[in-house]
């Protein structure tokens, strides 16, 4: 919902947050807009663009804090909304790095969801690439013959099991 100086303006403003943050609900109260603003004026308003960017950064910042403060709660959050967040990697080039920091991927060696940062920290000094396998499920990926060589060499592989993964990986 959008308010200007505590006066309700609209709850039909789709561009206030990016589509990939569609799970976020809240109220934005600003003094930066006129009270008599029309819906047409809101569609191409520079102030709303600034608000959108600020809200996006704030949500990503709060999620990063949640990871540190309560990793188990974030794990549950990720199970519910991770696919939606990954859409942002593909759609939002400005925030791609921030989104990647809060993303979780299944690690073949660790047998759990980890961050890219965790993967990179665990990489051997001689490894320069991030290895991944896109598959329909963790179970199917573990049975893939492509994994065998990595397992024999004790190299971790990230398993990408969400359909959106194949889109953003190419970016």
Protein backbone atom coordinates (compact mmCIF):
# COMPACT_ATOMS: atom_id res chain seq x y z
CA UNK A 1 0.00 0.00 0.00
CA UNK A 2 1.19 3.49 -0.78
CA UNK A 3 0.56 6.40 1.56
CA UNK A 4 1.63 10.03 1.28
CA UNK A 5 1.96 11.73 4.65
CA UNK A 6 -0.23 9.03 6.24
CA UNK A 7 -2.96 9.49 3.61
CA UNK A 8 -3.82 6.34 1.66
CA UNK A 9 -3.16 6.69 -2.06
CA UNK A 10 -3.45 3.20 -3.56
CA UNK A 11 -2.87 -0.49 -3.09
CA UNK A 12 -2.97 -1.17 -6.83
CA UNK A 13 0.53 0.00 -7.68
CA UNK A 14 2.21 -3.03 -9.25
CA UNK A 15 5.50 -1.27 -10.02
CA UNK A 16 6.29 -0.33 -6.43
CA UNK A 17 8.26 -3.55 -5.93
CA UNK A 18 9.75 -5.88 -8.54
CA UNK A 19 7.73 -8.90 -9.59
CA UNK A 20 10.36 -11.23 -8.11
CA UNK A 21 9.60 -9.77 -4.66
CA UNK A 22 5.88 -10.46 -5.01
CA UNK A 23 5.80 -12.26 -1.65
CA UNK A 24 6.61 -9.00 0.19
CA UNK A 25 3.68 -7.21 1.82
CA UNK A 26 3.86 -3.84 3.49
CA UNK A 27 3.07 -0.18 3.65
CA UNK A 28 5.14 2.62 2.23
CA UNK A 29 4.53 6.10 3.58
CA UNK A 30 6.39 8.91 1.88
CA UNK A 31 6.42 12.68 1.96
CA UNK A 32 8.14 12.80 -1.44
CA UNK A 33 4.94 12.68 -3.50
CA UNK A 34 2.05 15.12 -3.83
CA UNK A 35 -1.21 14.19 -2.13
CA UNK A 36 -3.16 14.87 -5.32
CA UNK A 37 -1.06 12.51 -7.44
CA UNK A 38 -3.03 10.62 -10.08
CA UNK A 39 -2.61 6.99 -11.04
CA UNK A 40 -1.30 8.07 -14.45
CA UNK A 41 1.35 10.25 -12.81
CA UNK A 42 2.41 7.34 -10.62
CA UNK A 43 3.17 5.13 -13.59
CA UNK A 44 6.23 7.08 -14.74
CA UNK A 45 7.30 8.83 -11.57
CA UNK A 46 11.03 9.18 -10.81
CA UNK A 47 10.36 9.30 -7.07
CA UNK A 48 8.57 5.96 -7.23
CA UNK A 49 11.54 4.51 -9.08
CA UNK A 50 13.80 5.66 -6.24
CA UNK A 51 11.38 4.17 -3.70
CA UNK A 52 11.33 0.89 -5.64
CA UNK A 53 15.14 0.73 -5.63
CA UNK A 54 15.29 1.55 -1.92
CA UNK A 55 12.65 -1.03 -1.01
CA UNK A 56 14.41 -3.69 -3.07
CA UNK A 57 17.77 -2.99 -1.42
CA UNK A 58 16.13 -2.96 2.01
CA UNK A 59 14.41 -6.32 1.47
CA UNK A 60 17.68 -7.89 0.29
CA UNK A 61 19.52 -6.37 3.24
CA UNK A 62 16.95 -7.72 5.71
CA UNK A 63 17.18 -11.18 4.15
CA UNK A 64 20.98 -11.09 4.46
CA UNK A 65 20.59 -10.17 8.14
CA UNK A 66 18.13 -13.04 8.60
CA UNK A 67 20.71 -15.50 7.25
CA UNK A 68 23.19 -14.46 9.94
CA UNK A 69 20.68 -14.05 12.76
CA UNK A 70 18.53 -17.15 12.23
CA UNK A 71 19.86 -19.55 9.55
CA UNK A 72 17.18 -22.17 10.23
CA UNK A 73 14.36 -19.67 9.74
CA UNK A 74 16.03 -18.50 6.52
CA UNK A 75 16.25 -22.11 5.36
CA UNK A 76 12.47 -22.41 5.79
CA UNK A 77 11.99 -19.09 4.01
CA UNK A 78 14.23 -20.26 1.17
CA UNK A 79 12.23 -23.47 0.77
CA UNK A 80 9.10 -21.38 0.23
CA UNK A 81 10.39 -18.40 -1.74
CA UNK A 82 13.80 -19.32 -3.16
CA UNK A 83 12.48 -19.96 -6.66
CA UNK A 84 10.85 -16.54 -6.72
CA UNK A 85 14.03 -14.83 -5.54
CA UNK A 86 16.03 -16.57 -8.27
CA UNK A 87 13.82 -14.82 -10.83
CA UNK A 88 15.51 -11.64 -9.66
CA UNK A 89 18.92 -12.93 -10.75
CA UNK A 90 17.56 -13.12 -14.29
CA UNK A 91 15.39 -9.99 -14.24
CA UNK A 92 17.36 -7.50 -12.12
CA UNK A 93 20.94 -6.98 -13.29
CA UNK A 94 21.46 -4.11 -10.82
CA UNK A 95 20.83 -6.38 -7.82
CA UNK A 96 22.13 -9.67 -9.22
CA UNK A 97 25.16 -9.83 -6.91
CA UNK A 98 23.08 -9.06 -3.81
CA UNK A 99 20.54 -11.70 -4.76
CA UNK A 100 23.24 -14.29 -5.41
CA UNK A 101 24.61 -13.69 -1.89
CA UNK A 102 21.32 -14.77 -0.34
CA UNK A 103 20.65 -17.67 -2.72
CA UNK A 104 21.07 -21.26 -1.61
CA UNK A 105 22.08 -24.22 -3.75
CA UNK A 106 22.29 -27.90 -3.00
CA UNK A 107 25.88 -29.05 -2.45
CA UNK A 108 26.63 -32.60 -3.56
CA UNK A 109 29.50 -33.03 -1.07
CA UNK A 110 27.90 -31.32 1.90
CA UNK A 111 24.50 -32.87 1.18
CA UNK A 112 22.69 -29.65 2.09
CA UNK A 113 21.83 -26.19 0.82
CA UNK A 114 24.76 -23.74 0.86
CA UNK A 115 25.58 -20.27 -0.43
CA UNK A 116 27.89 -19.55 -3.35
CA UNK A 117 30.23 -17.96 -0.83
CA UNK A 118 30.36 -21.22 1.16
CA UNK A 119 31.06 -23.15 -2.04
CA UNK A 120 33.89 -20.81 -3.06
CA UNK A 121 35.47 -20.90 0.41
CA UNK A 122 35.50 -24.71 0.33
CA UNK A 123 37.02 -24.92 -3.17
CA UNK A 124 40.56 -26.28 -3.43
CA UNK A 125 43.19 -23.67 -4.32
CA UNK A 126 43.63 -25.27 -7.75
CA UNK A 127 39.93 -25.04 -8.64
CA UNK A 128 39.06 -21.92 -10.62
CA UNK A 129 35.51 -22.74 -11.69
CA UNK A 130 32.17 -23.30 -10.01
CA UNK A 131 30.79 -26.65 -11.08
CA UNK A 132 27.06 -27.20 -11.30
CA UNK A 133 24.58 -29.62 -12.75
CA UNK A 134 21.06 -28.63 -13.76
CA UNK A 135 18.54 -31.37 -13.17
CA UNK A 136 14.88 -32.00 -12.34
CA UNK A 137 15.67 -33.07 -8.79
CA UNK A 138 18.51 -33.71 -6.35
CA UNK A 139 17.82 -37.43 -6.61
CA UNK A 140 18.10 -37.40 -10.42
CA UNK A 141 21.25 -35.26 -10.29
CA UNK A 142 22.94 -37.65 -7.86
CA UNK A 143 22.32 -40.50 -10.33
CA UNK A 144 23.75 -38.55 -13.26
CA UNK A 145 26.88 -40.03 -14.87
CA UNK A 146 28.20 -36.46 -15.19
CA UNK A 147 28.71 -36.37 -11.42
CA UNK A 148 30.94 -39.46 -11.15
CA UNK A 149 34.18 -37.82 -12.29
CA UNK A 150 33.76 -34.94 -9.87
CA UNK A 151 32.97 -37.26 -6.97
CA UNK A 152 36.08 -39.35 -7.72
CA UNK A 153 38.24 -36.21 -7.66
CA UNK A 154 36.52 -34.96 -4.48
CA UNK A 155 35.19 -31.86 -6.23
CA UNK A 156 31.91 -30.41 -5.03
CA UNK A 157 29.11 -29.77 -7.52
CA UNK A 158 26.15 -27.48 -6.99
CA UNK A 159 22.88 -29.06 -8.03
CA UNK A 160 20.49 -26.67 -9.74
CA UNK A 161 17.02 -28.17 -9.52
CA UNK A 162 14.71 -25.20 -10.07
CA UNK A 163 13.46 -24.57 -13.63
CA UNK A 164 14.49 -20.91 -13.34
CA UNK A 165 18.13 -21.93 -12.78
CA UNK A 166 18.72 -22.67 -16.44
CA UNK A 167 17.57 -19.15 -17.38
CA UNK A 168 19.71 -17.17 -14.96
CA UNK A 169 22.82 -19.34 -15.33
CA UNK A 170 23.17 -18.07 -18.89
CA UNK A 171 23.26 -14.48 -17.63
